[in-house]
C-alpha cells in the first residue's frame, strides 16, 4: 500500500474535488430533508446534481460521463418522486444506480474493457492492473450496496432509510479511500 506522501498532490486534489462534486448533492439532500421534507429535498438533490455535473464539465473540459449518468438517474427518479408524490422512487434510485454500476463494470470486464480507467484515468493515472483490481472491488461493493438499500427500503421507515443513506455516503467515501490507497499503483511515465 502506498503512503500518502507517495501519491502526487494533483491526484489527491482531483480526488477531493471529484468526491465533493459526487457527494455534495447528497449532502444537500440530507440537509434539506432535515430542514424541510422529502419532496423539497428531492427537488434540491436534482438541482444540485445538475449543477455538480456542469461544474465537473467546466473543470475537466470534457463530458463527465459518470456525472451525466448520475444526473440522468437522479432527474428521472426525482421527477417520478415528485410527480407521483411517492418517496419510493428516490429510494429506488440508489438500488438502480448501484446495480447498474456493478453490472456495467462486470460487462466491461467480460469485454476486457476497464471502464473505470476510461472514466477516471485523466483524474487518477494508474496501471491497468490497479484499474482491474479496483473494478473488482467496486463491483462487489455496488452489489452489496444495492442489496442493502433494497433491504432497508422494504423493511424500515423513510426516516431510517435517510439515516441509512447518510451512512452509505460515509461508507462509500471511506471504502473509496481504502480501495484507492490499497490498490493504487503509479503508472510509469512514458519517455
Protein backbone atom coordinates (compact mmCIF):
# COMPACT_ATOMS: atom_id res chain seq x y z
CA UNK A 1 0.00 0.00 0.00
CA UNK A 2 1.46 3.36 -0.95
CA UNK A 3 1.92 6.02 1.67
CA UNK A 4 0.04 9.28 1.43
CA UNK A 5 3.29 11.06 0.53
CA UNK A 6 3.91 8.79 -2.48
CA UNK A 7 0.74 9.89 -4.24
CA UNK A 8 1.16 13.10 -6.27
CA UNK A 9 -0.66 16.12 -4.84
CA UNK A 10 -2.59 16.82 -8.04
CA UNK A 11 -4.12 13.33 -7.85
CA UNK A 12 -5.18 13.87 -4.24
CA UNK A 13 -6.61 17.29 -5.16
CA UNK A 14 -8.52 15.73 -8.08
CA UNK A 15 -9.93 13.05 -5.77
CA UNK A 16 -11.13 15.64 -3.26
CA UNK A 17 -12.79 17.77 -5.94
CA UNK A 18 -14.37 14.68 -7.56
CA UNK A 19 -15.63 13.49 -4.18
CA UNK A 20 -17.14 16.87 -3.39
CA UNK A 21 -18.88 17.00 -6.77
CA UNK A 22 -20.25 13.49 -6.32
CA UNK A 23 -21.30 13.72 -2.68
CA UNK A 24 -22.15 17.44 -2.49
CA UNK A 25 -25.66 16.84 -3.87
CA UNK A 26 -26.19 14.04 -1.33
CA UNK A 27 -25.23 16.43 1.48
CA UNK A 28 -27.70 18.99 0.08
CA UNK A 29 -30.40 16.27 0.01
CA UNK A 30 -29.75 15.21 3.60
CA UNK A 31 -29.70 18.79 4.91
CA UNK A 32 -32.90 19.63 3.02
CA UNK A 33 -34.60 16.50 4.35
CA UNK A 34 -33.81 17.59 7.91
CA UNK A 35 -34.95 21.17 7.26
CA UNK A 36 -37.99 20.56 5.04
CA UNK A 37 -39.38 17.25 3.75
CA UNK A 38 -38.59 14.51 1.25
CA UNK A 39 -40.09 16.29 -1.74
CA UNK A 40 -38.21 19.57 -1.35
CA UNK A 41 -35.07 17.54 -0.57
CA UNK A 42 -35.60 15.56 -3.78
CA UNK A 43 -36.01 18.71 -5.85
CA UNK A 44 -32.84 20.20 -4.36
CA UNK A 45 -31.00 16.92 -4.98
CA UNK A 46 -31.89 17.07 -8.67
CA UNK A 47 -30.82 20.72 -8.95
CA UNK A 48 -27.56 20.17 -7.02
CA UNK A 49 -26.73 17.10 -9.14
CA UNK A 50 -27.19 19.04 -12.37
CA UNK A 51 -25.06 21.91 -11.03
CA UNK A 52 -22.32 19.46 -9.94
CA UNK A 53 -22.34 17.93 -13.43
CA UNK A 54 -21.98 21.33 -15.07
CA UNK A 55 -19.11 22.25 -12.72
CA UNK A 56 -17.45 18.91 -13.43
CA UNK A 57 -17.70 19.56 -17.17
CA UNK A 58 -16.20 23.02 -16.70
CA UNK A 59 -13.28 21.72 -14.61
CA UNK A 60 -12.48 18.68 -16.77
CA UNK A 61 -13.05 20.31 -20.17
CA UNK A 62 -14.76 17.13 -21.34
CA UNK A 63 -18.09 15.39 -20.93
CA UNK A 64 -18.26 13.89 -17.43
CA UNK A 65 -19.89 10.59 -18.40
CA UNK A 66 -20.29 9.37 -14.83
CA UNK A 67 -21.73 12.73 -13.78
CA UNK A 68 -24.15 12.70 -16.70
CA UNK A 69 -25.26 9.18 -15.78
CA UNK A 70 -25.83 10.21 -12.14
CA UNK A 71 -27.66 13.38 -13.23
CA UNK A 72 -29.86 11.37 -15.60
CA UNK A 73 -30.84 8.79 -12.97
CA UNK A 74 -31.37 11.43 -10.30
CA UNK A 75 -33.51 13.57 -12.61
CA UNK A 76 -35.67 10.64 -13.74
CA UNK A 77 -36.23 9.21 -10.26
CA UNK A 78 -36.56 12.70 -8.76
CA UNK A 79 -39.22 13.55 -11.34
CA UNK A 80 -41.08 10.30 -10.60
CA UNK A 81 -40.90 11.02 -6.87
CA UNK A 82 -42.35 14.50 -7.31
CA UNK A 83 -44.90 13.55 -9.98
CA UNK A 84 -46.29 10.57 -8.06
CA UNK A 85 -45.71 12.20 -4.68
CA UNK A 86 -44.04 9.00 -3.51
CA UNK A 87 -40.59 8.75 -1.89
CA UNK A 88 -40.24 5.15 -3.06
CA UNK A 89 -38.86 6.31 -6.39
CA UNK A 90 -35.98 8.34 -4.94
CA UNK A 91 -35.24 5.42 -2.62
CA UNK A 92 -35.23 3.02 -5.56
CA UNK A 93 -32.78 5.29 -7.41
CA UNK A 94 -29.94 4.16 -5.14
CA UNK A 95 -30.63 0.48 -5.81
CA UNK A 96 -30.84 1.05 -9.56
CA UNK A 97 -27.67 3.18 -9.50
CA UNK A 98 -25.63 0.59 -7.60
CA UNK A 99 -26.95 -2.41 -9.54
CA UNK A 100 -26.34 -0.75 -12.91
CA UNK A 101 -22.85 0.31 -11.86
CA UNK A 102 -21.93 -3.22 -10.82
CA UNK A 103 -23.48 -4.73 -13.96
CA UNK A 104 -21.77 -2.29 -16.34
CA UNK A 105 -18.39 -2.81 -14.68
CA UNK A 106 -18.87 -6.57 -14.87
CA UNK A 107 -19.87 -6.34 -18.52
CA UNK A 108 -16.81 -4.20 -19.19
CA UNK A 109 -14.57 -6.88 -17.69
CA UNK A 110 -16.33 -9.51 -19.82
CA UNK A 111 -15.35 -7.50 -22.92
CA UNK A 112 -11.88 -6.84 -21.47
CA UNK A 113 -12.55 -3.12 -21.06
CA UNK A 114 -11.56 -1.27 -17.89
CA UNK A 115 -14.42 1.19 -17.72
CA UNK A 116 -13.17 2.88 -14.56
CA UNK A 117 -9.95 3.58 -16.38
CA UNK A 118 -11.85 5.18 -19.26
CA UNK A 119 -13.87 7.30 -16.84
CA UNK A 120 -11.18 8.35 -14.38
CA UNK A 121 -7.76 7.91 -15.97
CA UNK A 122 -7.38 11.67 -16.51
CA UNK A 123 -8.04 12.25 -12.82
CA UNK A 124 -6.07 9.27 -11.45
CA UNK A 125 -3.45 7.77 -13.78
CA UNK A 126 -2.76 4.18 -12.68
CA UNK A 127 -1.64 0.85 -14.10
CA UNK A 128 -4.11 -1.48 -15.81
CA UNK A 129 -3.53 -3.99 -13.03
CA UNK A 130 -4.62 -1.41 -10.44
CA UNK A 131 -7.70 -0.47 -12.51
CA UNK A 132 -8.69 -4.13 -12.83
CA UNK A 133 -8.36 -4.75 -9.09
CA UNK A 134 -10.26 -1.55 -8.33
CA UNK A 135 -13.01 -2.63 -10.73
CA UNK A 136 -13.48 -6.00 -8.99
CA UNK A 137 -13.59 -4.29 -5.58
CA UNK A 138 -16.24 -1.81 -6.72
CA UNK A 139 -18.36 -4.49 -8.40
CA UNK A 140 -18.58 -6.30 -5.09
CA UNK A 141 -19.27 -3.09 -3.20
CA UNK A 142 -22.01 -1.94 -5.60
CA UNK A 143 -23.86 -5.29 -5.44
CA UNK A 144 -23.72 -5.25 -1.62
CA UNK A 145 -24.89 -1.60 -1.50
CA UNK A 146 -27.82 -2.31 -3.87
CA UNK A 147 -28.89 -5.31 -1.77
CA UNK A 148 -28.66 -3.37 1.48
CA UNK A 149 -30.62 -0.44 0.04
CA UNK A 150 -33.42 -2.78 -1.03
CA UNK A 151 -33.48 -4.42 2.39
CA UNK A 152 -33.67 -1.10 4.25
CA UNK A 153 -36.14 0.39 1.74
CA UNK A 154 -38.57 -2.52 2.15
CA UNK A 155 -38.08 -3.13 5.87
CA UNK A 156 -37.84 0.28 7.54
CA UNK A 157 -39.40 3.74 7.53
CA UNK A 158 -38.33 6.65 5.33
CA UNK A 159 -36.53 8.27 8.27
CA UNK A 160 -34.48 5.12 8.85
CA UNK A 161 -33.71 4.94 5.12
CA UNK A 162 -32.41 8.54 5.19
CA UNK A 163 -30.12 7.62 8.09
CA UNK A 164 -29.01 4.59 6.08
CA UNK A 165 -28.39 6.80 3.03
CA UNK A 166 -26.29 9.12 5.19
CA UNK A 167 -24.33 6.14 6.48
CA UNK A 168 -23.84 4.75 2.98
CA UNK A 169 -22.49 8.09 1.75
CA UNK A 170 -19.90 7.97 4.53
CA UNK A 171 -19.20 4.27 3.98
CA UNK A 172 -18.78 4.81 0.23
CA UNK A 173 -16.31 7.62 0.88
CA UNK A 174 -14.29 5.58 3.36
CA UNK A 175 -14.37 2.46 1.17
CA UNK A 176 -13.34 4.53 -1.85
CA UNK A 177 -10.35 5.92 0.05
CA UNK A 178 -9.39 2.46 1.31
CA UNK A 179 -9.73 0.93 -2.17
CA UNK A 180 -7.67 3.74 -3.67
CA UNK A 181 -4.81 3.53 -1.18
CA UNK A 182 -4.84 -0.27 -1.12
CA UNK A 183 -4.90 -0.69 -4.89
CA UNK A 184 -3.12 2.41 -6.22
CA UNK A 185 -0.17 1.70 -8.49
CA UNK A 186 1.51 4.66 -10.09
CA UNK A 187 1.62 4.48 -13.84
CA UNK A 188 5.14 4.84 -15.17
CA UNK A 189 5.85 7.98 -17.13
CA UNK A 190 6.33 7.41 -20.87
CA UNK A 191 9.60 8.75 -22.26
